[in-house]
Amino acid sequence: MKAIICTKYGPPEVLQHNEVEKPIPKDNEVLVKIHATAVTASDCVIRGFKMPGNPSFPKKQIMELMMRLFLGISKPRNPIIGLVFSGVVESAGKDINQFKKGNRVYGFTGISRGTYAEFKCVSAKEVAQGELAIIPDNISHNEAAAVVYGGVLAIHFMKDGDIQSGKKVLIYGASGAIGTVALQLSKHLGAEVTAICSSSNIALVKSLGADKVIDYTKDDSINQLECYDFILDAVGENKSSKLKIQCKKAIGENGKYVSVDDGFLKIQPHYLVKLNELIEAGHVKAVIDRDYPLEEIVEAHKYVDKGHKKGNVVITV
């Protein structure tokens, strides 16, 4: 089968197109024919071995060592990276009851990764952990691959935000993969949403329901901040600014500030169930910036590395 191999940690050019053996599913596995995947920020972190967050010495060095032990010393232990996918069930082992051949499915993998390829096996354990679900009928494979990353992360990091009607929510990085879903989710829950983005993305966030927009490229952006009940830093601590520093001071009494770099994501079984409900009801839609074929994944990674994508970059397999 076709697959993209990460030969070592480094720039996008370390990704190479290759032919590898098609996986043979076990009795407790689902074999999925992948139709689409996406280049996520997490994929770029793994490929480039970039530490998330902004730790200082010696914490950074300790975290780098732990990351190498977890992922692989000089290259990923699983050379086929990629976290999200959409496809069709090719076959299901006799111990699998939830899925059958022909089901349209999408997923968010855990430590197995391996979605930059034509086929992937998903185990019964991973199914039980909530890493695979039936695709809603009202979206395509490309849309499913696009929305699942930001959808799962937005649900995870906003779960304790007590977001409801009358509350004020601020989303820093509202035009990215996580931010676009977080914005839509906040509006669905009845909050007044202020979106922070660049000038070129103002129309996008307004189309997704933002009540107010702060352009971080403007000199007076800090003066536009109000007092918020929940603030989500959807870009992570690697990107900082005077505006972001002030955002941390714009929390009201009993309010909460959350960064996507706060702890590690552990997918819960109900995350994809919740995302499906939101998609089927029309409360959340996918935002796709660009679509590349698998053979052009190096170019896709170069584009994502620039840090200015709108929503998601999809890879058609």
C-alpha atoms as a PDB file:
ATOM      1  CA  MET A   1       0.000   0.000   0.000  1.00  0.00           C
ATOM      2  CA  LYS A   2       0.987   3.651  -0.368  1.00  0.00           C
ATOM      3  CA  ALA A   3       2.256   5.321   2.783  1.00  0.00           C
ATOM      4  CA  ILE A   4       4.265   8.322   3.925  1.00  0.00           C
ATOM      5  CA  ILE A   5       7.300   7.405   6.029  1.00  0.00           C
ATOM      6  CA  CYS A   6       8.861   9.813   8.524  1.00  0.00           C
ATOM      7  CA  THR A   7      12.532   8.893   8.081  1.00  0.00           C
ATOM      8  CA  LYS A   8      13.778  11.006  11.012  1.00  0.00           C
ATOM      9  CA  TYR A   9      12.796  14.097  12.982  1.00  0.00           C
ATOM     10  CA  GLY A  10      13.194  17.293  11.014  1.00  0.00           C
ATOM     11  CA  PRO A  11      11.701  19.563   8.337  1.00  0.00           C
ATOM     12  CA  PRO A  12       8.880  18.461   6.001  1.00  0.00           C
ATOM     13  CA  GLU A  13      11.393  16.893   3.600  1.00  0.00           C
ATOM     14  CA  VAL A  14      11.962  13.999   6.048  1.00  0.00           C
ATOM     15  CA  LEU A  15       8.564  12.665   4.887  1.00  0.00           C
ATOM     16  CA  GLN A  16       8.974  10.219   2.022  1.00  0.00           C
ATOM     17  CA  HIS A  17       6.426   8.458  -0.172  1.00  0.00           C
ATOM     18  CA  ASN A  18       6.876   4.688  -0.038  1.00  0.00           C
ATOM     19  CA  GLU A  19       5.273   1.302  -0.612  1.00  0.00           C
ATOM     20  CA  VAL A  20       4.751  -0.819   2.512  1.00  0.00           C
ATOM     21  CA  GLU A  21       2.887  -4.013   3.305  1.00  0.00           C
ATOM     22  CA  LYS A  22      -0.861  -3.723   3.740  1.00  0.00           C
ATOM     23  CA  PRO A  23      -1.794  -4.512   7.365  1.00  0.00           C
ATOM     24  CA  ILE A  24      -3.585  -7.797   8.039  1.00  0.00           C
ATOM     25  CA  PRO A  25      -6.329  -7.316  10.658  1.00  0.00           C
ATOM     26  CA  LYS A  26      -6.587  -9.607  13.677  1.00  0.00           C
ATOM     27  CA  ASP A  27      -9.855 -10.974  15.064  1.00  0.00           C
ATOM     28  CA  ASN A  28     -10.133  -7.939  17.349  1.00  0.00           C
ATOM     29  CA  GLU A  29      -9.370  -5.302  14.709  1.00  0.00           C
ATOM     30  CA  VAL A  30     -11.160  -3.224  12.094  1.00  0.00           C
ATOM     31  CA  LEU A  31      -9.345  -2.636   8.805  1.00  0.00           C
ATOM     32  CA  VAL A  32     -10.142   0.795   7.386  1.00  0.00           C
ATOM     33  CA  LYS A  33      -9.497   1.916   3.805  1.00  0.00           C
ATOM     34  CA  ILE A  34      -8.501   5.529   4.357  1.00  0.00           C
ATOM     35  CA  HIS A  35     -10.002   8.120   2.011  1.00  0.00           C
ATOM     36  CA  ALA A  36      -8.715  11.272   3.726  1.00  0.00           C
ATOM     37  CA  THR A  37      -6.485  12.444   6.547  1.00  0.00           C
ATOM     38  CA  ALA A  38      -5.297  15.884   7.649  1.00  0.00           C
ATOM     39  CA  VAL A  39      -2.059  17.628   8.552  1.00  0.00           C
ATOM     40  CA  THR A  40      -2.609  18.639  12.157  1.00  0.00           C
ATOM     41  CA  ALA A  41      -0.467  20.781  14.430  1.00  0.00           C
ATOM     42  CA  SER A  42       0.279  17.621  16.411  1.00  0.00           C
ATOM     43  CA  ASP A  43       1.591  15.887  13.279  1.00  0.00           C
ATOM     44  CA  CYS A  44       4.011  18.760  12.748  1.00  0.00           C
ATOM     45  CA  VAL A  45       5.121  18.592  16.388  1.00  0.00           C
ATOM     46  CA  ILE A  46       5.926  14.878  16.003  1.00  0.00           C
ATOM     47  CA  ARG A  47       7.597  15.221  12.596  1.00  0.00           C
ATOM     48  CA  GLY A  48       9.737  18.173  13.632  1.00  0.00           C
ATOM     49  CA  PHE A  49      10.192  17.059  17.246  1.00  0.00           C
ATOM     50  CA  LYS A  50       8.959  20.433  18.454  1.00  0.00           C
ATOM     51  CA  MET A  51       8.130  20.691  22.121  1.00  0.00           C
ATOM     52  CA  PRO A  52       4.587  21.948  22.719  1.00  0.00           C
ATOM     53  CA  GLY A  53       4.299  24.788  25.187  1.00  0.00           C
ATOM     54  CA  ASN A  54       7.121  27.063  26.249  1.00  0.00           C
ATOM     55  CA  PRO A  55       9.015  25.235  29.017  1.00  0.00           C
ATOM     56  CA  SER A  56      12.274  26.592  30.413  1.00  0.00           C
ATOM     57  CA  PHE A  57      15.491  24.839  31.509  1.00  0.00           C
ATOM     58  CA  PRO A  58      15.650  22.182  32.926  1.00  0.00           C
ATOM     59  CA  LYS A  59      11.982  21.325  32.373  1.00  0.00           C
ATOM     60  CA  LYS A  60      12.387  21.555  28.592  1.00  0.00           C
ATOM     61  CA  GLN A  61      15.294  19.100  28.523  1.00  0.00           C
ATOM     62  CA  ILE A  62      13.446  16.637  30.755  1.00  0.00           C
ATOM     63  CA  MET A  63      10.329  16.849  28.573  1.00  0.00           C
ATOM     64  CA  GLU A  64      12.412  16.336  25.405  1.00  0.00           C
ATOM     65  CA  LEU A  65      13.943  13.195  26.883  1.00  0.00           C
ATOM     66  CA  MET A  66      10.521  11.855  27.861  1.00  0.00           C
ATOM     67  CA  MET A  67       9.200  12.688  24.395  1.00  0.00           C
ATOM     68  CA  ARG A  68      12.034  10.755  22.713  1.00  0.00           C
ATOM     69  CA  LEU A  69      11.459   7.761  24.981  1.00  0.00           C
ATOM     70  CA  PHE A  70       7.757   7.853  24.135  1.00  0.00           C
ATOM     71  CA  LEU A  71       7.939   8.536  20.374  1.00  0.00           C
ATOM     72  CA  GLY A  72      11.349   7.150  19.421  1.00  0.00           C
ATOM     73  CA  ILE A  73      14.942   8.300  19.906  1.00  0.00           C
ATOM     74  CA  SER A  74      15.989   9.554  16.444  1.00  0.00           C
ATOM     75  CA  LYS A  75      12.739   9.006  14.546  1.00  0.00           C
ATOM     76  CA  PRO A  76       9.153   8.000  15.318  1.00  0.00           C
ATOM     77  CA  ARG A  77       8.919   4.380  16.449  1.00  0.00           C
ATOM     78  CA  ASN A  78       5.951   4.062  14.124  1.00  0.00           C
ATOM     79  CA  PRO A  79       7.341   5.717  10.960  1.00  0.00           C
ATOM     80  CA  ILE A  80       3.836   6.280   9.560  1.00  0.00           C
ATOM     81  CA  ILE A  81       2.536   9.285  11.471  1.00  0.00           C
ATOM     82  CA  GLY A  82      -0.848  11.017  11.185  1.00  0.00           C
ATOM     83  CA  LEU A  83      -3.551  11.286  13.859  1.00  0.00           C
ATOM     84  CA  VAL A  84      -6.891  11.592  12.082  1.00  0.00           C
ATOM     85  CA  PHE A  85      -8.630   9.799   9.233  1.00  0.00           C
ATOM     86  CA  SER A  86     -11.836   9.160   7.383  1.00  0.00           C
ATOM     87  CA  GLY A  87     -12.577   6.061   5.349  1.00  0.00           C
ATOM     88  CA  VAL A  88     -14.574   2.895   4.812  1.00  0.00           C
ATOM     89  CA  VAL A  89     -14.426  -0.362   6.759  1.00  0.00           C
ATOM     90  CA  GLU A  90     -12.694  -2.922   4.531  1.00  0.00           C
ATOM     91  CA  SER A  91     -13.198  -5.774   6.997  1.00  0.00           C
ATOM     92  CA  ALA A  92     -14.013  -6.369  10.667  1.00  0.00           C
ATOM     93  CA  GLY A  93     -12.647  -9.198  12.809  1.00  0.00           C
ATOM     94  CA  LYS A  94     -15.000 -11.713  14.416  1.00  0.00           C
ATOM     95  CA  ASP A  95     -14.571 -10.030  17.800  1.00  0.00           C
ATOM     96  CA  ILE A  96     -15.770  -6.658  16.450  1.00  0.00           C
ATOM     97  CA  ASN A  97     -19.507  -6.026  16.776  1.00  0.00           C
ATOM     98  CA  GLN A  98     -19.863  -2.263  16.320  1.00  0.00           C
ATOM     99  CA  PHE A  99     -18.702  -2.031  12.700  1.00  0.00           C
ATOM    100  CA  LYS A 100     -19.149  -3.970   9.484  1.00  0.00           C
ATOM    101  CA  LYS A 101     -17.764  -3.903   5.964  1.00  0.00           C
ATOM    102  CA  GLY A 102     -18.839  -0.798   4.057  1.00  0.00           C
ATOM    103  CA  ASN A 103     -19.401   1.468   7.073  1.00  0.00           C
ATOM    104  CA  ARG A 104     -18.191   5.036   6.560  1.00  0.00           C
ATOM    105  CA  VAL A 105     -16.035   5.787   9.593  1.00  0.00           C
ATOM    106  CA  TYR A 106     -13.707   8.435  10.954  1.00  0.00           C
ATOM    107  CA  GLY A 107     -11.332   8.526  13.847  1.00  0.00           C
ATOM    108  CA  PHE A 108      -8.750  10.199  16.057  1.00  0.00           C
ATOM    109  CA  THR A 109      -5.933   7.801  16.865  1.00  0.00           C
ATOM    110  CA  GLY A 110      -4.031   7.595  20.113  1.00  0.00           C
ATOM    111  CA  ILE A 111      -0.444   6.384  20.316  1.00  0.00           C
ATOM    112  CA  SER A 112      -0.808   4.149  17.234  1.00  0.00           C
ATOM    113  CA  ARG A 113      -1.027   7.031  14.726  1.00  0.00           C
ATOM    114  CA  GLY A 114      -0.448   5.648  11.175  1.00  0.00           C
ATOM    115  CA  THR A 115      -3.031   7.563   9.140  1.00  0.00           C
ATOM    116  CA  TYR A 116      -0.704   8.774   6.370  1.00  0.00           C
ATOM    117  CA  ALA A 117      -1.427   5.563   4.471  1.00  0.00           C
ATOM    118  CA  GLU A 118      -4.036   3.738   2.406  1.00  0.00           C
ATOM    119  CA  PHE A 119      -5.050   1.360   5.195  1.00  0.00           C
ATOM    120  CA  LYS A 120      -5.062   1.297   8.989  1.00  0.00           C
ATOM    121  CA  CYS A 121      -6.083  -1.285  11.587  1.00  0.00           C
ATOM    122  CA  VAL A 122      -8.041  -0.092  14.618  1.00  0.00           C
ATOM    123  CA  SER A 123      -8.160  -2.428  17.609  1.00  0.00           C
ATOM    124  CA  ALA A 124     -11.154  -3.250  19.793  1.00  0.00           C
ATOM    125  CA  LYS A 125      -9.383  -1.470  22.658  1.00  0.00           C
ATOM    126  CA  GLU A 126      -9.047   1.688  20.569  1.00  0.00           C
ATOM    127  CA  VAL A 127     -12.713   1.408  19.559  1.00  0.00           C
ATOM    128  CA  ALA A 128     -13.679   1.145  23.247  1.00  0.00           C
ATOM    129  CA  GLN A 129     -11.581   4.235  23.996  1.00  0.00           C
ATOM    130  CA  GLY A 130     -13.630   6.231  21.499  1.00  0.00           C
ATOM    131  CA  GLU A 131     -11.133   6.472  18.635  1.00  0.00           C
ATOM    132  CA  LEU A 132     -13.514   5.337  15.858  1.00  0.00           C
ATOM    133  CA  ALA A 133     -17.084   6.273  14.939  1.00  0.00           C
ATOM    134  CA  ILE A 134     -19.578   6.183  12.074  1.00  0.00           C
ATOM    135  CA  ILE A 135     -19.433   9.345   9.949  1.00  0.00           C
ATOM    136  CA  PRO A 136     -22.567  11.520  10.040  1.00  0.00           C
ATOM    137  CA  ASP A 137     -24.519  11.239   6.786  1.00  0.00           C
ATOM    138  CA  ASN A 138     -24.432  14.987   6.169  1.00  0.00           C
ATOM    139  CA  ILE A 139     -20.636  15.327   5.699  1.00  0.00           C
ATOM    140  CA  SER A 140     -18.068  14.015   3.208  1.00  0.00           C
ATOM    141  CA  HIS A 141     -14.876  12.082   3.897  1.00  0.00           C
ATOM    142  CA  ASN A 142     -12.793  15.239   3.507  1.00  0.00           C
ATOM    143  CA  GLU A 143     -15.034  17.143   5.914  1.00  0.00           C
ATOM    144  CA  ALA A 144     -14.913  14.293   8.434  1.00  0.00           C
ATOM    145  CA  ALA A 145     -11.108  14.152   8.345  1.00  0.00           C
ATOM    146  CA  ALA A 146     -11.004  17.921   8.734  1.00  0.00           C
ATOM    147  CA  VAL A 147     -13.402  18.367  11.641  1.00  0.00           C
ATOM    148  CA  VAL A 148     -12.407  15.474  13.904  1.00  0.00           C
ATOM    149  CA  TYR A 149      -9.118  16.937  15.216  1.00  0.00           C
ATOM    150  CA  GLY A 150     -10.442  20.345  16.193  1.00  0.00           C
ATOM    151  CA  GLY A 151     -13.746  18.814  17.251  1.00  0.00           C
ATOM    152  CA  VAL A 152     -12.264  16.380  19.757  1.00  0.00           C
ATOM    153  CA  LEU A 153      -9.815  18.938  21.155  1.00  0.00           C
ATOM    154  CA  ALA A 154     -12.435  21.667  21.463  1.00  0.00           C
ATOM    155  CA  ILE A 155     -14.804  19.341  23.308  1.00  0.00           C
ATOM    156  CA  HIS A 156     -11.957  18.194  25.577  1.00  0.00           C
ATOM    157  CA  PHE A 157     -10.582  21.599  26.540  1.00  0.00           C
ATOM    158  CA  MET A 158     -13.977  23.298  26.898  1.00  0.00           C
ATOM    159  CA  LYS A 159     -15.687  20.547  28.895  1.00  0.00           C
ATOM    160  CA  ASP A 160     -15.225  22.309  32.254  1.00  0.00           C
ATOM    161  CA  GLY A 161     -15.876  25.820  30.999  1.00  0.00           C
ATOM    162  CA  ASP A 162     -19.506  26.031  32.146  1.00  0.00           C
ATOM    163  CA  ILE A 163     -20.321  27.717  28.836  1.00  0.00           C
ATOM    164  CA  GLN A 164     -23.959  28.719  28.583  1.00  0.00           C
ATOM    165  CA  SER A 165     -26.333  31.523  27.664  1.00  0.00           C
ATOM    166  CA  GLY A 166     -25.255  34.853  29.085  1.00  0.00           C
ATOM    167  CA  LYS A 167     -21.601  33.881  29.466  1.00  0.00           C
ATOM    168  CA  LYS A 168     -18.801  35.678  27.631  1.00  0.00           C
ATOM    169  CA  VAL A 169     -16.233  33.538  25.815  1.00  0.00           C
ATOM    170  CA  LEU A 170     -12.937  34.649  24.243  1.00  0.00           C
ATOM    171  CA  ILE A 171     -11.128  32.417  21.756  1.00  0.00           C
ATOM    172  CA  TYR A 172      -7.517  33.260  20.938  1.00  0.00           C
ATOM    173  CA  GLY A 173      -6.780  31.706  17.544  1.00  0.00           C
ATOM    174  CA  ALA A 174     -10.397  31.390  16.464  1.00  0.00           C
ATOM    175  CA  SER A 175      -9.588  30.685  12.800  1.00  0.00           C
ATOM    176  CA  GLY A 176      -7.528  27.511  13.337  1.00  0.00           C
ATOM    177  CA  ALA A 177      -8.562  23.866  13.485  1.00  0.00           C
ATOM    178  CA  ILE A 178      -9.480  23.969  17.180  1.00  0.00           C
ATOM    179  CA  GLY A 179     -10.638  27.568  17.255  1.00  0.00           C
ATOM    180  CA  THR A 180     -13.203  27.211  14.464  1.00  0.00           C
ATOM    181  CA  VAL A 181     -14.933  24.358  16.290  1.00  0.00           C
ATOM    182  CA  ALA A 182     -14.632  26.037  19.697  1.00  0.00           C
ATOM    183  CA  LEU A 183     -16.291  29.141  18.261  1.00  0.00           C
ATOM    184  CA  GLN A 184     -19.195  27.161  16.814  1.00  0.00           C
ATOM    185  CA  LEU A 185     -19.592  25.104  19.989  1.00  0.00           C
ATOM    186  CA  SER A 186     -19.661  28.226  22.166  1.00  0.00           C
ATOM    187  CA  LYS A 187     -22.339  29.816  19.996  1.00  0.00           C
ATOM    188  CA  HIS A 188     -24.413  26.620  20.115  1.00  0.00           C
ATOM    189  CA  LEU A 189     -24.244  26.732  23.924  1.00  0.00           C
ATOM    190  CA  GLY A 190     -25.567  30.305  23.887  1.00  0.00           C
ATOM    191  CA  ALA A 191     -22.458  32.281  24.791  1.00  0.00           C
ATOM    192  CA  GLU A 192     -21.419  35.682  23.482  1.00  0.00           C
ATOM    193  CA  VAL A 193     -18.193  34.948  21.610  1.00  0.00           C
ATOM    194  CA  THR A 194     -15.258  37.228  20.920  1.00  0.00           C
ATOM    195  CA  ALA A 195     -12.837  35.824  18.355  1.00  0.00           C
ATOM    196  CA  ILE A 196      -9.173  36.818  18.113  1.00  0.00           C
ATOM    197  CA  CYS A 197      -7.598  36.370  14.673  1.00  0.00           C
ATOM    198  CA  SER A 198      -5.751  38.260  11.937  1.00  0.00           C
ATOM    199  CA  SER A 199      -7.303  40.697   9.453  1.00  0.00           C
ATOM    200  CA  SER A 200      -7.477  38.063   6.708  1.00  0.00           C
ATOM    201  CA  ASN A 201      -9.614  35.754   8.841  1.00  0.00           C
ATOM    202  CA  ILE A 202     -12.211  38.217  10.133  1.00  0.00           C
ATOM    203  CA  ALA A 203     -14.792  37.265   7.494  1.00  0.00           C
ATOM    204  CA  LEU A 204     -14.346  33.573   8.313  1.00  0.00           C
ATOM    205  CA  VAL A 205     -14.908  33.877  12.067  1.00  0.00           C
ATOM    206  CA  LYS A 206     -17.892  36.156  11.534  1.00  0.00           C
ATOM    207  CA  SER A 207     -19.408  33.565   9.195  1.00  0.00           C
ATOM    208  CA  LEU A 208     -19.048  31.012  12.006  1.00  0.00           C
ATOM    209  CA  GLY A 209     -21.003  33.218  14.405  1.00  0.00           C
ATOM    210  CA  ALA A 210     -18.483  35.409  16.229  1.00  0.00           C
ATOM    211  CA  ASP A 211     -20.263  38.316  17.929  1.00  0.00           C
ATOM    212  CA  LYS A 212     -17.116  40.408  18.197  1.00  0.00           C
ATOM    213  CA  VAL A 213     -13.688  40.160  16.560  1.00  0.00           C
ATOM    214  CA  ILE A 214     -10.326  41.421  17.764  1.00  0.00           C
ATOM    215  CA  ASP A 215      -7.628  41.724  15.108  1.00  0.00           C
ATOM    216  CA  TYR A 216      -4.366  40.854  16.875  1.00  0.00           C
ATOM    217  CA  THR A 217      -2.340  42.697  14.232  1.00  0.00           C
ATOM    218  CA  LYS A 218      -3.820  46.066  15.258  1.00  0.00           C
ATOM    219  CA  ASP A 219      -2.102  48.325  17.778  1.00  0.00           C
ATOM    220  CA  ASP A 220      -5.294  48.909  19.772  1.00  0.00           C
ATOM    221  CA  SER A 221      -6.198  45.222  20.131  1.00  0.00           C
ATOM    222  CA  ILE A 222      -5.450  45.112  23.865  1.00  0.00           C
ATOM    223  CA  ASN A 223      -7.849  47.992  24.505  1.00  0.00           C
ATOM    224  CA  GLN A 224     -10.696  45.948  23.002  1.00  0.00           C
ATOM    225  CA  LEU A 225     -10.512  43.233  25.643  1.00  0.00           C
ATOM    226  CA  GLU A 226     -13.412  42.936  28.083  1.00  0.00           C
ATOM    227  CA  CYS A 227     -14.034  40.656  31.067  1.00  0.00           C
ATOM    228  CA  TYR A 228     -14.698  37.026  30.130  1.00  0.00           C
ATOM    229  CA  ASP A 229     -16.105  33.935  31.806  1.00  0.00           C
ATOM    230  CA  PHE A 230     -14.042  31.534  29.720  1.00  0.00           C
ATOM    231  CA  ILE A 231     -10.940  32.061  27.588  1.00  0.00           C
ATOM    232  CA  LEU A 232      -9.498  29.394  25.299  1.00  0.00           C
ATOM    233  CA  ASP A 233      -5.964  29.734  23.980  1.00  0.00           C
ATOM    234  CA  ALA A 234      -6.462  27.610  20.863  1.00  0.00           C
ATOM    235  CA  VAL A 235      -2.949  28.113  19.454  1.00  0.00           C
ATOM    236  CA  GLY A 236      -0.850  26.970  22.391  1.00  0.00           C
ATOM    237  CA  GLU A 237       1.927  28.523  24.412  1.00  0.00           C
ATOM    238  CA  ASN A 238       4.561  28.412  21.652  1.00  0.00           C
ATOM    239  CA  LYS A 239       2.921  31.536  20.275  1.00  0.00           C
ATOM    240  CA  SER A 240       2.855  34.491  22.614  1.00  0.00           C
ATOM    241  CA  SER A 241       2.156  38.204  22.351  1.00  0.00           C
ATOM    242  CA  LYS A 242       1.382  41.205  24.507  1.00  0.00           C
ATOM    243  CA  LEU A 243      -2.273  40.640  23.673  1.00  0.00           C
ATOM    244  CA  LYS A 244      -2.198  37.037  24.914  1.00  0.00           C
ATOM    245  CA  ILE A 245      -0.507  38.118  28.153  1.00  0.00           C
ATOM    246  CA  GLN A 246      -3.310  40.620  28.712  1.00  0.00           C
ATOM    247  CA  CYS A 247      -5.912  37.969  27.903  1.00  0.00           C
ATOM    248  CA  LYS A 248      -4.829  36.072  31.015  1.00  0.00           C
ATOM    249  CA  LYS A 249      -5.763  39.157  33.038  1.00  0.00           C
ATOM    250  CA  ALA A 250      -9.190  39.478  31.401  1.00  0.00           C
ATOM    251  CA  ILE A 251     -10.803  36.665  33.369  1.00  0.00           C
ATOM    252  CA  GLY A 252     -13.811  37.545  35.476  1.00  0.00           C
ATOM    253  CA  GLU A 253     -14.551  36.261  38.966  1.00  0.00           C
ATOM    254  CA  ASN A 254     -14.871  32.453  38.856  1.00  0.00           C
ATOM    255  CA  GLY A 255     -13.801  32.570  35.207  1.00  0.00           C
ATOM    256  CA  LYS A 256     -11.409  30.100  33.596  1.00  0.00           C
ATOM    257  CA  TYR A 257      -8.429  30.337  31.220  1.00  0.00           C
ATOM    258  CA  VAL A 258      -7.478  27.168  29.318  1.00  0.00           C
ATOM    259  CA  SER A 259      -4.636  26.541  26.866  1.00  0.00           C
ATOM    260  CA  VAL A 260      -4.498  23.612  24.449  1.00  0.00           C
ATOM    261  CA  ASP A 261      -1.068  22.944  25.935  1.00  0.00           C
ATOM    262  CA  ASP A 262      -2.600  22.255  29.362  1.00  0.00           C
ATOM    263  CA  GLY A 263      -1.878  18.583  29.918  1.00  0.00           C
ATOM    264  CA  PHE A 264      -2.141  15.664  27.504  1.00  0.00           C
ATOM    265  CA  LEU A 265      -5.280  14.713  25.614  1.00  0.00           C
ATOM    266  CA  LYS A 266      -6.886  11.440  26.630  1.00  0.00           C
ATOM    267  CA  ILE A 267      -9.749  10.697  24.271  1.00  0.00           C
ATOM    268  CA  GLN A 268     -12.968   9.783  26.038  1.00  0.00           C
ATOM    269  CA  PRO A 269     -15.569   7.415  24.513  1.00  0.00           C
ATOM    270  CA  HIS A 270     -18.215  10.146  24.404  1.00  0.00           C
ATOM    271  CA  TYR A 271     -16.170  12.747  22.490  1.00  0.00           C
ATOM    272  CA  LEU A 272     -16.933  11.438  18.994  1.00  0.00           C
ATOM    273  CA  VAL A 273     -20.521  10.704  20.042  1.00  0.00           C
ATOM    274  CA  LYS A 274     -20.892  14.357  21.059  1.00  0.00           C
ATOM    275  CA  LEU A 275     -19.178  15.583  17.890  1.00  0.00           C
ATOM    276  CA  ASN A 276     -21.532  13.474  15.761  1.00  0.00           C
ATOM    277  CA  GLU A 277     -24.543  15.019  17.488  1.00  0.00           C
ATOM    278  CA  LEU A 278     -23.229  18.528  16.836  1.00  0.00           C
ATOM    279  CA  ILE A 279     -22.495  17.798  13.158  1.00  0.00           C
ATOM    280  CA  GLU A 280     -25.798  16.047  12.492  1.00  0.00           C
ATOM    281  CA  ALA A 281     -27.720  18.951  14.025  1.00  0.00           C
ATOM    282  CA  GLY A 282     -25.785  21.464  11.931  1.00  0.00           C
ATOM    283  CA  HIS A 283     -24.185  23.171  14.936  1.00  0.00           C
ATOM    284  CA  VAL A 284     -20.628  22.386  13.806  1.00  0.00           C
ATOM    285  CA  LYS A 285     -19.248  22.299  10.274  1.00  0.00           C
ATOM    286  CA  ALA A 286     -15.796  21.591   8.900  1.00  0.00           C
ATOM    287  CA  VAL A 287     -13.540  24.425   7.764  1.00  0.00           C
ATOM    288  CA  ILE A 288     -11.092  23.383   5.036  1.00  0.00           C
ATOM    289  CA  ASP A 289      -8.326  25.701   3.886  1.00  0.00           C
ATOM    290  CA  ARG A 290      -6.510  23.479   1.370  1.00  0.00           C
ATOM    291  CA  ASP A 291      -6.653  19.939  -0.002  1.00  0.00           C
ATOM    292  CA  TYR A 292      -3.508  18.085  -1.123  1.00  0.00           C
ATOM    293  CA  PRO A 293      -3.047  14.562  -2.539  1.00  0.00           C
ATOM    294  CA  LEU A 294      -1.001  12.187  -0.379  1.00  0.00           C
ATOM    295  CA  GLU A 295       1.941  12.510  -2.779  1.00  0.00           C
ATOM    296  CA  GLU A 296       2.194  16.235  -1.957  1.00  0.00           C
ATOM    297  CA  ILE A 297       2.255  15.880   1.810  1.00  0.00           C
ATOM    298  CA  VAL A 298       5.640  17.629   2.062  1.00  0.00           C
ATOM    299  CA  GLU A 299       4.091  20.773   0.565  1.00  0.00           C
ATOM    300  CA  ALA A 300       1.132  20.418   2.918  1.00  0.00           C
ATOM    301  CA  HIS A 301       3.452  20.288   5.935  1.00  0.00           C
ATOM    302  CA  LYS A 302       5.382  23.307   4.683  1.00  0.00           C
ATOM    303  CA  TYR A 303       2.126  25.235   4.470  1.00  0.00           C
ATOM    304  CA  VAL A 304       0.952  24.211   7.949  1.00  0.00           C
ATOM    305  CA  ASP A 305       4.385  25.047   9.407  1.00  0.00           C
ATOM    306  CA  LYS A 306       3.826  28.671   8.399  1.00  0.00           C
ATOM    307  CA  GLY A 307       1.145  28.870  11.087  1.00  0.00           C
ATOM    308  CA  HIS A 308      -1.480  30.767   9.124  1.00  0.00           C
ATOM    309  CA  LYS A 309      -3.891  28.091   7.898  1.00  0.00           C
ATOM    310  CA  LYS A 310      -7.634  28.671   8.105  1.00  0.00           C
ATOM    311  CA  GLY A 311      -9.230  25.678   9.774  1.00  0.00           C
ATOM    312  CA  ASN A 312      -7.745  22.510   8.345  1.00  0.00           C
ATOM    313  CA  VAL A 313      -5.452  21.164   5.650  1.00  0.00           C
ATOM    314  CA  VAL A 314      -6.834  17.912   4.243  1.00  0.00           C
ATOM    315  CA  ILE A 315      -4.908  15.101   2.543  1.00  0.00           C
ATOM    316  CA  THR A 316      -6.768  12.981   0.001  1.00  0.00           C
ATOM    317  CA  VAL A 317      -5.443   9.420  -0.007  1.00  0.00           C
END
